[in-house]
Amino acid sequence: MEKIKTYFPKLSEEQLIHFEKLGPLYKEWNQKINVISRKDIDNIYLHHVLHSLSIAAVVRFRSDSEILDLGTGGGFPGIPLAILFPNVQFTLIDGTLKKIKVVKEVVEALGLKNVEAMQMRAEELKKRRFDFVVTRAVAKMPQLALWSQRLLKSKHIHPIPNGILALKGGYIKTEIKELPKGNYTEIYSIQEFFKEHYFEEKYVVYLQQ
């Protein structure tokens, strides 16, 4: 939790309370429904919360924008980002019911009004459109591009055009080479933002289609 305060020193009292509650909430729910590796639950703030917030170092979402967390799992990166951006609307989807159950319980316990969580796959979203799609450990970039291209709004309100912001690790250039021509990507090393050793070879990949 201290690392969150260090990297985000301007958090409001309400945001600090929300972040402080996250760890205990996930530890409690993880004993019932395993959404985070039990070996990793003690590292939730570094490995999950701060990792999710690295997206905010690439794009500061504007008020009233709409963000889709595709394949949210237990609520990452969507829930930490929703706490950081209380005036942004987040839609979190996942195909696994038990994971969405945990997400809904955490959202309700925190009283987050800017989060909607649904059990569904990207293909089932018919009419909704978003400013950005965020993901973590869901699929390779070509598959993400295929799922997301029809889900993005045509009107751009941010300094960079609407697109995908994917948290990735390891060697990612092969994935990027497999993207169709015409897709534009930028790769941001998370260790440029957060100095911890954990973030070596971890990246935010921005894809504009």
C-alpha atoms as a PDB file:
ATOM      1  CA  MET A   1       0.000   0.000   0.000  1.00  0.00           C
ATOM      2  CA  GLU A   2       2.887   2.380   0.732  1.00  0.00           C
ATOM      3  CA  LYS A   3       4.077   2.073  -2.863  1.00  0.00           C
ATOM      4  CA  ILE A   4       0.672   3.276  -4.075  1.00  0.00           C
ATOM      5  CA  LYS A   5       1.024   6.372  -1.894  1.00  0.00           C
ATOM      6  CA  THR A   6       4.580   6.941  -3.099  1.00  0.00           C
ATOM      7  CA  TYR A   7       3.743   6.845  -6.809  1.00  0.00           C
ATOM      8  CA  PHE A   8       0.337   8.528  -6.483  1.00  0.00           C
ATOM      9  CA  PRO A   9       0.824  11.179  -3.766  1.00  0.00           C
ATOM     10  CA  LYS A  10      -2.267  13.224  -4.714  1.00  0.00           C
ATOM     11  CA  LEU A  11      -4.880  10.582  -3.897  1.00  0.00           C
ATOM     12  CA  SER A  12      -7.938  11.802  -2.016  1.00  0.00           C
ATOM     13  CA  GLU A  13      -8.865  10.445   1.398  1.00  0.00           C
ATOM     14  CA  GLU A  14     -11.638   8.379  -0.196  1.00  0.00           C
ATOM     15  CA  GLN A  15      -9.270   6.900  -2.760  1.00  0.00           C
ATOM     16  CA  LEU A  16      -6.765   5.988  -0.049  1.00  0.00           C
ATOM     17  CA  ILE A  17      -9.494   4.249   1.941  1.00  0.00           C
ATOM     18  CA  HIS A  18     -10.571   2.295  -1.151  1.00  0.00           C
ATOM     19  CA  PHE A  19      -7.031   1.158  -1.890  1.00  0.00           C
ATOM     20  CA  GLU A  20      -6.438   0.217   1.752  1.00  0.00           C
ATOM     21  CA  LYS A  21      -9.579  -1.940   1.709  1.00  0.00           C
ATOM     22  CA  LEU A  22      -8.601  -3.758  -1.492  1.00  0.00           C
ATOM     23  CA  GLY A  23      -5.980  -6.020   0.069  1.00  0.00           C
ATOM     24  CA  PRO A  24      -8.137  -7.366   2.924  1.00  0.00           C
ATOM     25  CA  LEU A  25     -11.147  -7.771   0.600  1.00  0.00           C
ATOM     26  CA  TYR A  26      -9.227  -9.868  -1.892  1.00  0.00           C
ATOM     27  CA  LYS A  27      -7.592 -11.955   0.825  1.00  0.00           C
ATOM     28  CA  GLU A  28     -11.036 -12.694   2.265  1.00  0.00           C
ATOM     29  CA  TRP A  29     -12.629 -13.576  -1.088  1.00  0.00           C
ATOM     30  CA  ASN A  30      -9.607 -15.497  -2.325  1.00  0.00           C
ATOM     31  CA  GLN A  31     -10.106 -18.008   0.470  1.00  0.00           C
ATOM     32  CA  LYS A  32     -13.573 -18.753  -0.935  1.00  0.00           C
ATOM     33  CA  ILE A  33     -12.981 -18.342  -4.685  1.00  0.00           C
ATOM     34  CA  ASN A  34      -9.420 -18.518  -5.943  1.00  0.00           C
ATOM     35  CA  VAL A  35      -8.990 -15.588  -8.358  1.00  0.00           C
ATOM     36  CA  ILE A  36      -5.397 -14.744  -7.401  1.00  0.00           C
ATOM     37  CA  SER A  37      -2.666 -17.322  -6.922  1.00  0.00           C
ATOM     38  CA  ARG A  38      -2.566 -18.126  -3.201  1.00  0.00           C
ATOM     39  CA  LYS A  39       1.223 -17.841  -3.354  1.00  0.00           C
ATOM     40  CA  ASP A  40       0.815 -14.324  -4.726  1.00  0.00           C
ATOM     41  CA  ILE A  41      -1.962 -12.882  -2.564  1.00  0.00           C
ATOM     42  CA  ASP A  42       0.495 -11.295  -0.123  1.00  0.00           C
ATOM     43  CA  ASN A  43       1.961  -9.325  -3.048  1.00  0.00           C
ATOM     44  CA  ILE A  44      -1.396  -7.964  -4.176  1.00  0.00           C
ATOM     45  CA  TYR A  45      -0.417  -4.288  -4.020  1.00  0.00           C
ATOM     46  CA  LEU A  46       2.781  -4.655  -6.056  1.00  0.00           C
ATOM     47  CA  HIS A  47       1.895  -7.479  -8.448  1.00  0.00           C
ATOM     48  CA  HIS A  48      -1.752  -6.606  -9.083  1.00  0.00           C
ATOM     49  CA  VAL A  49      -2.775  -3.110  -7.942  1.00  0.00           C
ATOM     50  CA  LEU A  50       0.355  -1.137  -8.890  1.00  0.00           C
ATOM     51  CA  HIS A  51       0.772  -3.225 -12.045  1.00  0.00           C
ATOM     52  CA  SER A  52      -2.777  -2.251 -13.065  1.00  0.00           C
ATOM     53  CA  LEU A  53      -2.111   1.422 -12.363  1.00  0.00           C
ATOM     54  CA  SER A  54       0.826   1.494 -14.788  1.00  0.00           C
ATOM     55  CA  ILE A  55      -1.772   2.085 -17.523  1.00  0.00           C
ATOM     56  CA  ALA A  56      -2.396   5.500 -15.939  1.00  0.00           C
ATOM     57  CA  ALA A  57       1.228   6.418 -16.639  1.00  0.00           C
ATOM     58  CA  VAL A  58       0.483   6.079 -20.361  1.00  0.00           C
ATOM     59  CA  VAL A  59      -2.997   7.646 -20.519  1.00  0.00           C
ATOM     60  CA  ARG A  60      -4.823   9.785 -17.972  1.00  0.00           C
ATOM     61  CA  PHE A  61      -8.431   8.959 -18.719  1.00  0.00           C
ATOM     62  CA  ARG A  62     -10.638  12.018 -19.061  1.00  0.00           C
ATOM     63  CA  SER A  63     -13.829  12.485 -17.071  1.00  0.00           C
ATOM     64  CA  ASP A  64     -16.893  10.827 -18.587  1.00  0.00           C
ATOM     65  CA  SER A  65     -14.834   8.556 -20.829  1.00  0.00           C
ATOM     66  CA  GLU A  66     -15.775   4.869 -21.016  1.00  0.00           C
ATOM     67  CA  ILE A  67     -13.279   2.050 -20.538  1.00  0.00           C
ATOM     68  CA  LEU A  68     -13.754  -1.679 -21.130  1.00  0.00           C
ATOM     69  CA  ASP A  69     -11.703  -4.166 -19.080  1.00  0.00           C
ATOM     70  CA  LEU A  70     -11.771  -7.221 -21.344  1.00  0.00           C
ATOM     71  CA  GLY A  71     -11.209 -10.499 -19.477  1.00  0.00           C
ATOM     72  CA  THR A  72     -10.977  -8.782 -16.115  1.00  0.00           C
ATOM     73  CA  GLY A  73     -10.432 -11.974 -14.119  1.00  0.00           C
ATOM     74  CA  GLY A  74     -10.643 -10.929 -10.477  1.00  0.00           C
ATOM     75  CA  GLY A  75     -10.972  -7.250 -11.392  1.00  0.00           C
ATOM     76  CA  PHE A  76      -7.563  -6.248 -12.751  1.00  0.00           C
ATOM     77  CA  PRO A  77      -6.728  -3.771 -14.125  1.00  0.00           C
ATOM     78  CA  GLY A  78     -10.296  -2.400 -13.959  1.00  0.00           C
ATOM     79  CA  ILE A  79     -10.927  -1.967 -10.228  1.00  0.00           C
ATOM     80  CA  PRO A  80      -7.657  -0.168  -9.341  1.00  0.00           C
ATOM     81  CA  LEU A  81      -8.139   2.103 -12.374  1.00  0.00           C
ATOM     82  CA  ALA A  82     -11.747   2.798 -11.354  1.00  0.00           C
ATOM     83  CA  ILE A  83     -10.531   3.929  -7.922  1.00  0.00           C
ATOM     84  CA  LEU A  84      -7.905   6.164  -9.537  1.00  0.00           C
ATOM     85  CA  PHE A  85     -10.395   7.649 -12.021  1.00  0.00           C
ATOM     86  CA  PRO A  86     -13.705   8.026 -10.133  1.00  0.00           C
ATOM     87  CA  ASN A  87     -15.274  10.151 -12.903  1.00  0.00           C
ATOM     88  CA  VAL A  88     -14.652   7.535 -15.599  1.00  0.00           C
ATOM     89  CA  GLN A  89     -17.097   4.708 -16.317  1.00  0.00           C
ATOM     90  CA  PHE A  90     -15.599   1.204 -16.309  1.00  0.00           C
ATOM     91  CA  THR A  91     -17.213  -1.929 -17.733  1.00  0.00           C
ATOM     92  CA  LEU A  92     -15.559  -5.162 -16.571  1.00  0.00           C
ATOM     93  CA  ILE A  93     -16.347  -8.386 -18.426  1.00  0.00           C
ATOM     94  CA  ASP A  94     -15.188 -11.978 -18.056  1.00  0.00           C
ATOM     95  CA  GLY A  95     -16.560 -15.288 -19.259  1.00  0.00           C
ATOM     96  CA  THR A  96     -16.116 -16.985 -15.865  1.00  0.00           C
ATOM     97  CA  LEU A  97     -19.043 -16.500 -13.487  1.00  0.00           C
ATOM     98  CA  LYS A  98     -17.131 -17.086 -10.233  1.00  0.00           C
ATOM     99  CA  LYS A  99     -14.603 -14.377 -11.140  1.00  0.00           C
ATOM    100  CA  ILE A 100     -17.329 -11.852 -11.905  1.00  0.00           C
ATOM    101  CA  LYS A 101     -18.981 -12.769  -8.597  1.00  0.00           C
ATOM    102  CA  VAL A 102     -15.820 -11.714  -6.751  1.00  0.00           C
ATOM    103  CA  VAL A 103     -15.559  -8.527  -8.829  1.00  0.00           C
ATOM    104  CA  LYS A 104     -19.156  -7.573  -8.004  1.00  0.00           C
ATOM    105  CA  GLU A 105     -18.651  -8.257  -4.295  1.00  0.00           C
ATOM    106  CA  VAL A 106     -15.481  -6.149  -4.163  1.00  0.00           C
ATOM    107  CA  VAL A 107     -17.138  -3.306  -6.095  1.00  0.00           C
ATOM    108  CA  GLU A 108     -20.152  -3.382  -3.763  1.00  0.00           C
ATOM    109  CA  ALA A 109     -17.999  -3.508  -0.622  1.00  0.00           C
ATOM    110  CA  LEU A 110     -16.052  -0.454  -1.797  1.00  0.00           C
ATOM    111  CA  GLY A 111     -19.183   1.370  -2.934  1.00  0.00           C
ATOM    112  CA  LEU A 112     -17.757   2.109  -6.376  1.00  0.00           C
ATOM    113  CA  LYS A 113     -20.436   3.786  -8.487  1.00  0.00           C
ATOM    114  CA  ASN A 114     -18.411   3.884 -11.716  1.00  0.00           C
ATOM    115  CA  VAL A 115     -18.022   0.125 -12.265  1.00  0.00           C
ATOM    116  CA  GLU A 116     -20.312  -2.302 -14.069  1.00  0.00           C
ATOM    117  CA  ALA A 117     -19.326  -5.991 -14.039  1.00  0.00           C
ATOM    118  CA  MET A 118     -20.868  -8.600 -16.324  1.00  0.00           C
ATOM    119  CA  GLN A 119     -20.311 -12.244 -17.174  1.00  0.00           C
ATOM    120  CA  MET A 120     -19.890 -12.168 -20.927  1.00  0.00           C
ATOM    121  CA  ARG A 121     -17.349 -12.439 -23.706  1.00  0.00           C
ATOM    122  CA  ALA A 122     -16.253  -9.632 -25.993  1.00  0.00           C
ATOM    123  CA  GLU A 123     -18.209 -11.169 -28.876  1.00  0.00           C
ATOM    124  CA  GLU A 124     -21.435 -10.725 -26.901  1.00  0.00           C
ATOM    125  CA  LEU A 125     -21.056  -6.950 -26.576  1.00  0.00           C
ATOM    126  CA  LYS A 126     -23.201  -5.785 -29.466  1.00  0.00           C
ATOM    127  CA  LYS A 127     -23.880  -2.055 -29.325  1.00  0.00           C
ATOM    128  CA  ARG A 128     -21.524  -0.702 -26.680  1.00  0.00           C
ATOM    129  CA  ARG A 129     -18.514   1.391 -27.685  1.00  0.00           C
ATOM    130  CA  PHE A 130     -15.576   2.533 -25.561  1.00  0.00           C
ATOM    131  CA  ASP A 131     -12.704   5.014 -25.590  1.00  0.00           C
ATOM    132  CA  PHE A 132     -10.160   2.366 -24.609  1.00  0.00           C
ATOM    133  CA  VAL A 133     -10.018  -1.375 -24.042  1.00  0.00           C
ATOM    134  CA  VAL A 134      -7.672  -2.429 -21.211  1.00  0.00           C
ATOM    135  CA  THR A 135      -6.494  -5.986 -20.613  1.00  0.00           C
ATOM    136  CA  ARG A 136      -4.049  -8.018 -18.564  1.00  0.00           C
ATOM    137  CA  ALA A 137      -2.864 -11.535 -19.431  1.00  0.00           C
ATOM    138  CA  VAL A 138      -5.873 -12.323 -21.630  1.00  0.00           C
ATOM    139  CA  ALA A 139      -4.692 -13.115 -25.158  1.00  0.00           C
ATOM    140  CA  LYS A 140      -2.031 -12.327 -27.739  1.00  0.00           C
ATOM    141  CA  MET A 141      -2.154  -8.968 -29.484  1.00  0.00           C
ATOM    142  CA  PRO A 142      -3.663 -10.213 -32.793  1.00  0.00           C
ATOM    143  CA  GLN A 143      -6.572 -11.803 -30.924  1.00  0.00           C
ATOM    144  CA  LEU A 144      -7.065  -8.694 -28.791  1.00  0.00           C
ATOM    145  CA  ALA A 145      -7.111  -6.599 -31.954  1.00  0.00           C
ATOM    146  CA  LEU A 146      -9.749  -8.870 -33.485  1.00  0.00           C
ATOM    147  CA  TRP A 147     -11.994  -8.695 -30.418  1.00  0.00           C
ATOM    148  CA  SER A 148     -11.605  -4.976 -29.844  1.00  0.00           C
ATOM    149  CA  GLN A 149     -11.723  -3.293 -33.236  1.00  0.00           C
ATOM    150  CA  ARG A 150     -15.524  -2.949 -33.329  1.00  0.00           C
ATOM    151  CA  LEU A 151     -15.731  -1.919 -29.660  1.00  0.00           C
ATOM    152  CA  LEU A 152     -13.907   1.399 -29.967  1.00  0.00           C
ATOM    153  CA  LYS A 153     -15.613   4.761 -30.394  1.00  0.00           C
ATOM    154  CA  SER A 154     -14.857   6.713 -33.559  1.00  0.00           C
ATOM    155  CA  LYS A 155     -14.648  10.044 -31.691  1.00  0.00           C
ATOM    156  CA  HIS A 156     -11.366  10.676 -29.858  1.00  0.00           C
ATOM    157  CA  ILE A 157     -11.224  12.828 -26.699  1.00  0.00           C
ATOM    158  CA  HIS A 158      -7.737  11.925 -25.404  1.00  0.00           C
ATOM    159  CA  PRO A 159      -4.279  13.091 -26.541  1.00  0.00           C
ATOM    160  CA  ILE A 160      -3.792   9.680 -28.184  1.00  0.00           C
ATOM    161  CA  PRO A 161      -6.451   8.020 -30.370  1.00  0.00           C
ATOM    162  CA  ASN A 162      -8.782   5.389 -28.931  1.00  0.00           C
ATOM    163  CA  GLY A 163      -7.281   1.910 -28.797  1.00  0.00           C
ATOM    164  CA  ILE A 164      -6.117  -1.019 -26.688  1.00  0.00           C
ATOM    165  CA  LEU A 165      -3.886  -0.731 -23.612  1.00  0.00           C
ATOM    166  CA  ALA A 166      -2.573  -4.208 -22.824  1.00  0.00           C
ATOM    167  CA  LEU A 167      -0.396  -5.198 -19.883  1.00  0.00           C
ATOM    168  CA  LYS A 168       2.191  -7.595 -21.264  1.00  0.00           C
ATOM    169  CA  GLY A 169       5.317  -9.394 -20.106  1.00  0.00           C
ATOM    170  CA  GLY A 170       8.366 -11.019 -21.651  1.00  0.00           C
ATOM    171  CA  TYR A 171       9.206 -11.007 -25.357  1.00  0.00           C
ATOM    172  CA  ILE A 172       6.319  -9.290 -27.097  1.00  0.00           C
ATOM    173  CA  LYS A 173       7.791  -8.280 -30.448  1.00  0.00           C
ATOM    174  CA  THR A 174       6.675 -11.552 -32.038  1.00  0.00           C
ATOM    175  CA  GLU A 175       3.059 -10.823 -31.094  1.00  0.00           C
ATOM    176  CA  ILE A 176       3.308  -7.345 -32.541  1.00  0.00           C
ATOM    177  CA  LYS A 177       4.802  -8.613 -35.814  1.00  0.00           C
ATOM    178  CA  GLU A 178       1.741 -10.853 -36.202  1.00  0.00           C
ATOM    179  CA  LEU A 179      -0.640  -7.876 -36.186  1.00  0.00           C
ATOM    180  CA  PRO A 180      -2.283  -6.952 -39.513  1.00  0.00           C
ATOM    181  CA  LYS A 181      -0.718  -4.128 -41.481  1.00  0.00           C
ATOM    182  CA  GLY A 182      -2.110  -0.730 -40.578  1.00  0.00           C
ATOM    183  CA  ASN A 183      -2.064  -1.357 -36.828  1.00  0.00           C
ATOM    184  CA  TYR A 184       0.094   1.145 -34.937  1.00  0.00           C
ATOM    185  CA  THR A 185       1.748   0.166 -31.655  1.00  0.00           C
ATOM    186  CA  GLU A 186       3.807   1.783 -28.936  1.00  0.00           C
ATOM    187  CA  ILE A 187       5.576  -0.150 -26.171  1.00  0.00           C
ATOM    188  CA  TYR A 188       6.113   1.407 -22.751  1.00  0.00           C
ATOM    189  CA  SER A 189       8.441  -0.242 -20.242  1.00  0.00           C
ATOM    190  CA  ILE A 190       6.695  -0.196 -16.857  1.00  0.00           C
ATOM    191  CA  GLN A 191      10.055   0.083 -15.130  1.00  0.00           C
ATOM    192  CA  GLU A 192      10.323   3.579 -16.554  1.00  0.00           C
ATOM    193  CA  PHE A 193       7.417   4.485 -14.259  1.00  0.00           C
ATOM    194  CA  PHE A 194       7.856   2.087 -11.321  1.00  0.00           C
ATOM    195  CA  LYS A 195      11.404   1.181 -10.320  1.00  0.00           C
ATOM    196  CA  GLU A 196      10.739  -2.134  -8.553  1.00  0.00           C
ATOM    197  CA  HIS A 197      12.571  -5.189  -9.878  1.00  0.00           C
ATOM    198  CA  TYR A 198       9.216  -6.953 -10.406  1.00  0.00           C
ATOM    199  CA  PHE A 199       8.463  -4.705 -13.371  1.00  0.00           C
ATOM    200  CA  GLU A 200      11.503  -5.735 -15.410  1.00  0.00           C
ATOM    201  CA  GLU A 201      10.330  -7.012 -18.804  1.00  0.00           C
ATOM    202  CA  LYS A 202       6.772  -5.839 -18.133  1.00  0.00           C
ATOM    203  CA  TYR A 203       5.144  -3.437 -20.547  1.00  0.00           C
ATOM    204  CA  VAL A 204       2.061  -1.457 -21.449  1.00  0.00           C
ATOM    205  CA  VAL A 205       1.385  -2.011 -25.154  1.00  0.00           C
ATOM    206  CA  TYR A 206      -0.749   0.607 -26.859  1.00  0.00           C
ATOM    207  CA  LEU A 207      -2.473  -0.482 -30.066  1.00  0.00           C
ATOM    208  CA  GLN A 208      -4.270   1.907 -32.376  1.00  0.00           C
ATOM    209  CA  GLN A 209      -6.268   0.184 -35.097  1.00  0.00           C
END
